[in-house]
């Protein structure tokens, strides 16, 4: 390894020059300063902000969950404009329950006693 000061040949692992005594380690070629940090952080901030608004815009393009299927107003009263509760005469049973026959009523029997 050559000395950066006097160009004298030294061993590869030498820490100081044998001839002039100068340190053989080279200082870093570049140190980041405040201007570099501000520029880099500014670019990162702009990229993160652009990413956030892009994802927000794309997510707003998706359909809302309650647009996918019809949900009866009785199940979701908070989506209804105006009064939040329906009157008794406005309530309707679900279609599946209206088509099914009612189960037969059995006489009331007391539960078996456990010893």
Protein backbone atom coordinates (compact mmCIF):
# COMPACT_ATOMS: atom_id res chain seq x y z
CA UNK A 1 0.00 0.00 0.00
CA UNK A 2 1.37 3.39 -0.97
CA UNK A 3 1.38 6.29 1.47
CA UNK A 4 -1.00 9.09 0.29
CA UNK A 5 1.55 11.67 1.53
CA UNK A 6 4.98 10.46 0.32
CA UNK A 7 4.11 7.51 -2.00
CA UNK A 8 6.41 5.18 -0.03
CA UNK A 9 5.55 1.45 -0.32
CA UNK A 10 4.39 -0.01 3.00
CA UNK A 11 2.89 -3.32 4.09
CA UNK A 12 -0.77 -3.80 3.27
CA UNK A 13 -1.76 -3.91 6.95
CA UNK A 14 0.38 -0.94 8.03
CA UNK A 15 -1.43 1.70 10.07
CA UNK A 16 1.26 4.41 9.71
CA UNK A 17 3.82 5.12 7.00
CA UNK A 18 7.37 3.88 7.76
CA UNK A 19 8.94 6.90 6.09
CA UNK A 20 6.82 9.94 7.04
CA UNK A 21 4.74 8.57 9.93
CA UNK A 22 1.42 9.65 8.45
CA UNK A 23 -1.69 7.57 9.16
CA UNK A 24 -2.45 5.19 6.31
CA UNK A 25 -6.21 5.11 6.77
CA UNK A 26 -7.97 7.39 4.31
CA UNK A 27 -10.72 9.68 5.54
CA UNK A 28 -14.13 9.08 4.04
CA UNK A 29 -14.50 10.73 0.65
CA UNK A 30 -17.87 12.28 1.51
CA UNK A 31 -19.79 13.33 4.63
CA UNK A 32 -23.53 13.97 4.46
CA UNK A 33 -24.35 17.50 5.53
CA UNK A 34 -27.60 19.20 6.57
CA UNK A 35 -28.46 20.11 2.97
CA UNK A 36 -28.20 16.46 1.89
CA UNK A 37 -30.36 15.34 4.84
CA UNK A 38 -33.05 17.94 4.08
CA UNK A 39 -33.12 16.97 0.40
CA UNK A 40 -33.30 13.23 1.14
CA UNK A 41 -35.96 13.59 3.83
CA UNK A 42 -37.95 15.92 1.57
CA UNK A 43 -37.94 13.33 -1.23
CA UNK A 44 -38.99 10.58 1.20
CA UNK A 45 -41.80 12.79 2.57
CA UNK A 46 -43.11 13.58 -0.92
CA UNK A 47 -43.02 9.89 -1.92
CA UNK A 48 -44.84 8.74 1.23
CA UNK A 49 -47.47 11.49 0.83
CA UNK A 50 -48.02 10.62 -2.85
CA UNK A 51 -48.30 6.92 -1.96
CA UNK A 52 -50.86 7.68 0.77
CA UNK A 53 -53.08 9.78 -1.52
CA UNK A 54 -52.80 7.25 -4.36
CA UNK A 55 -53.86 4.35 -2.12
CA UNK A 56 -56.67 6.43 -0.60
CA UNK A 57 -57.98 7.31 -4.07
CA UNK A 58 -57.81 3.70 -5.24
CA UNK A 59 -59.57 2.42 -2.12
CA UNK A 60 -62.39 4.93 -2.62
CA UNK A 61 -62.97 3.45 -6.09
CA UNK A 62 -63.92 0.10 -4.55
CA UNK A 63 -67.61 -0.51 -3.88
CA UNK A 64 -68.80 -0.11 -0.33
CA UNK A 65 -69.74 -3.35 1.45
CA UNK A 66 -73.39 -2.43 1.79
CA UNK A 67 -73.62 -1.84 -1.99
CA UNK A 68 -72.77 -5.46 -2.72
CA UNK A 69 -76.03 -6.96 -1.44
CA UNK A 70 -79.43 -5.85 -0.25
CA UNK A 71 -79.62 -5.63 3.52
CA UNK A 72 -83.05 -5.17 5.12
CA UNK A 73 -83.48 -1.87 6.92
CA UNK A 74 -84.52 -3.78 10.04
CA UNK A 75 -80.99 -5.16 10.30
CA UNK A 76 -79.21 -1.86 9.71
CA UNK A 77 -81.29 0.96 11.21
CA UNK A 78 -78.24 3.24 11.44
CA UNK A 79 -78.10 3.42 7.61
CA UNK A 80 -81.64 4.74 7.42
CA UNK A 81 -82.28 8.45 7.10
CA UNK A 82 -84.85 9.88 9.44
CA UNK A 83 -86.17 7.89 12.41
CA UNK A 84 -83.89 5.05 13.40
CA UNK A 85 -86.63 2.58 14.32
CA UNK A 86 -89.52 1.27 12.28
CA UNK A 87 -93.05 1.15 13.58
CA UNK A 88 -94.55 -2.27 14.39
CA UNK A 89 -96.76 -2.27 11.28
CA UNK A 90 -93.77 -1.54 9.01
CA UNK A 91 -91.76 -4.58 10.12
CA UNK A 92 -91.80 -7.48 7.67
CA UNK A 93 -90.52 -10.99 8.28
CA UNK A 94 -87.72 -12.29 6.05
CA UNK A 95 -88.90 -14.12 2.94
CA UNK A 96 -87.43 -17.48 4.00
CA UNK A 97 -89.26 -17.44 7.33
CA UNK A 98 -92.57 -16.54 5.68
CA UNK A 99 -92.39 -19.60 3.38
CA UNK A 100 -91.49 -22.09 6.11
CA UNK A 101 -94.35 -23.65 8.10
CA UNK A 102 -94.42 -22.90 11.79
CA UNK A 103 -93.14 -25.74 14.01
CA UNK A 104 -95.88 -27.62 15.88
CA UNK A 105 -96.34 -26.54 19.45
CA UNK A 106 -95.78 -29.30 21.97
CA UNK A 107 -97.40 -29.38 25.37
CA UNK A 108 -95.26 -27.95 28.10
CA UNK A 109 -93.44 -30.78 29.82
CA UNK A 110 -91.28 -30.25 32.86
CA UNK A 111 -87.62 -31.08 32.41
CA UNK A 112 -86.47 -34.42 33.84
CA UNK A 113 -85.26 -34.25 37.40
CA UNK A 114 -81.63 -35.08 37.98
CA UNK A 115 -80.75 -36.97 41.16
